[in-house]
């Protein structure tokens, strides 16, 4: 039985988050937590929180064996982009795009 969790509007660029998502795709949940614990990227902290949330969701369902869970699907989609402006020379302005992400993790039993 699939168990899922979604975190939306994370202040993190989707390209950077996908690098970390590729590390844990297809791994067992315990192994994925270990990989994320030793990854030195900001996305690893966020993914750890989401993965722990999915595991907690699985413990609430009595039909799922938590020890047999693996990462079936993990997706990082682009969220809204915050637009800001910074002053430049000669009275001009340059736009700054602050990107956000939507992270979805789906666990399943093997």
Protein backbone atom coordinates (compact mmCIF):
# COMPACT_ATOMS: atom_id res chain seq x y z
CA UNK A 1 0.00 0.00 0.00
CA UNK A 2 1.37 3.37 -0.98
CA UNK A 3 2.01 6.08 1.58
CA UNK A 4 2.74 9.64 0.51
CA UNK A 5 3.66 13.07 1.83
CA UNK A 6 3.97 16.38 0.04
CA UNK A 7 5.78 19.55 1.03
CA UNK A 8 4.89 22.62 -1.00
CA UNK A 9 6.45 26.05 -1.45
CA UNK A 10 9.91 25.08 -0.19
CA UNK A 11 12.30 28.00 -0.62
CA UNK A 12 14.77 25.92 -2.61
CA UNK A 13 15.49 25.72 -6.32
CA UNK A 14 14.10 22.62 -8.01
CA UNK A 15 17.30 21.85 -9.92
CA UNK A 16 19.29 21.72 -6.71
CA UNK A 17 16.66 19.63 -4.95
CA UNK A 18 16.52 17.11 -7.80
CA UNK A 19 20.20 16.30 -7.30
CA UNK A 20 19.43 15.08 -3.78
CA UNK A 21 16.22 13.34 -4.88
CA UNK A 22 18.18 11.24 -7.37
CA UNK A 23 20.37 9.93 -4.54
CA UNK A 24 17.51 8.26 -2.65
CA UNK A 25 15.19 7.14 -5.46
CA UNK A 26 14.55 3.39 -5.19
CA UNK A 27 16.36 2.96 -1.85
CA UNK A 28 14.93 1.48 1.35
CA UNK A 29 13.61 4.10 3.78
CA UNK A 30 16.29 3.47 6.42
CA UNK A 31 19.05 3.57 3.82
CA UNK A 32 17.62 6.79 2.36
CA UNK A 33 17.66 8.43 5.80
CA UNK A 34 21.32 7.46 6.22
CA UNK A 35 22.22 8.87 2.81
CA UNK A 36 20.46 12.14 3.57
CA UNK A 37 22.14 12.41 6.99
CA UNK A 38 25.57 12.51 5.35
CA UNK A 39 24.70 14.67 2.35
CA UNK A 40 26.00 18.24 2.60
CA UNK A 41 23.25 19.99 0.70
CA UNK A 42 20.44 22.20 1.96
CA UNK A 43 17.89 20.03 0.17
CA UNK A 44 18.97 17.01 2.23
CA UNK A 45 17.57 18.54 5.42
CA UNK A 46 14.23 19.28 3.80
CA UNK A 47 14.00 15.81 2.23
CA UNK A 48 14.81 14.23 5.59
CA UNK A 49 11.83 16.01 7.15
CA UNK A 50 9.52 14.90 4.34
CA UNK A 51 10.80 11.31 4.48
CA UNK A 52 10.27 11.16 8.24
CA UNK A 53 6.77 12.51 7.68
CA UNK A 54 6.01 9.73 5.20
CA UNK A 55 7.30 7.10 7.63
CA UNK A 56 5.10 8.62 10.35
CA UNK A 57 2.13 8.45 7.99
CA UNK A 58 2.91 4.78 7.41
CA UNK A 59 2.96 4.03 11.14
CA UNK A 60 -0.54 5.51 11.45
CA UNK A 61 -1.80 2.99 8.92
CA UNK A 62 -1.82 -0.42 10.55
CA UNK A 63 -1.80 -2.28 7.21
CA UNK A 64 1.76 -1.22 6.28
CA UNK A 65 4.95 -2.89 7.52
CA UNK A 66 7.34 0.02 8.20
CA UNK A 67 10.48 -2.14 7.95
CA UNK A 68 9.76 -3.08 4.32
CA UNK A 69 9.21 0.43 2.92
CA UNK A 70 11.21 1.79 0.01
CA UNK A 71 11.13 5.05 -1.96
CA UNK A 72 8.86 4.18 -4.87
CA UNK A 73 8.59 7.67 -6.30
CA UNK A 74 10.13 11.01 -5.44
CA UNK A 75 9.44 14.11 -7.47
CA UNK A 76 10.55 17.70 -7.20
CA UNK A 77 8.31 20.04 -9.13
CA UNK A 78 8.73 23.75 -9.67
CA UNK A 79 6.57 25.96 -7.50
CA UNK A 80 5.84 29.64 -7.74
CA UNK A 81 8.69 32.04 -8.39
CA UNK A 82 9.02 35.09 -6.19
CA UNK A 83 10.09 38.11 -8.22
CA UNK A 84 12.26 40.77 -6.61
CA UNK A 85 14.25 43.67 -8.03
CA UNK A 86 17.67 45.01 -7.15
CA UNK A 87 19.06 48.40 -8.16
CA UNK A 88 21.78 48.56 -10.82
CA UNK A 89 23.84 51.27 -12.43
CA UNK A 90 22.34 54.28 -14.21
CA UNK A 91 18.98 53.99 -12.46
CA UNK A 92 18.13 50.59 -13.87
CA UNK A 93 16.82 47.55 -12.03
CA UNK A 94 17.53 43.85 -12.47
CA UNK A 95 15.08 41.13 -11.58
CA UNK A 96 15.91 38.41 -9.05
CA UNK A 97 13.94 35.17 -9.29
CA UNK A 98 13.60 33.28 -6.01
CA UNK A 99 12.41 29.84 -6.98
CA UNK A 100 10.37 27.44 -4.87
CA UNK A 101 9.77 23.69 -5.06
CA UNK A 102 7.06 21.13 -4.36
CA UNK A 103 8.51 17.85 -3.02
CA UNK A 104 6.46 14.65 -3.13
CA UNK A 105 7.67 11.33 -1.71
CA UNK A 106 5.78 8.05 -2.16
CA UNK A 107 6.79 4.95 -0.19
CA UNK A 108 5.62 1.41 -0.86
CA UNK A 109 6.22 -2.07 0.55
CA UNK A 110 8.61 -4.43 -1.16
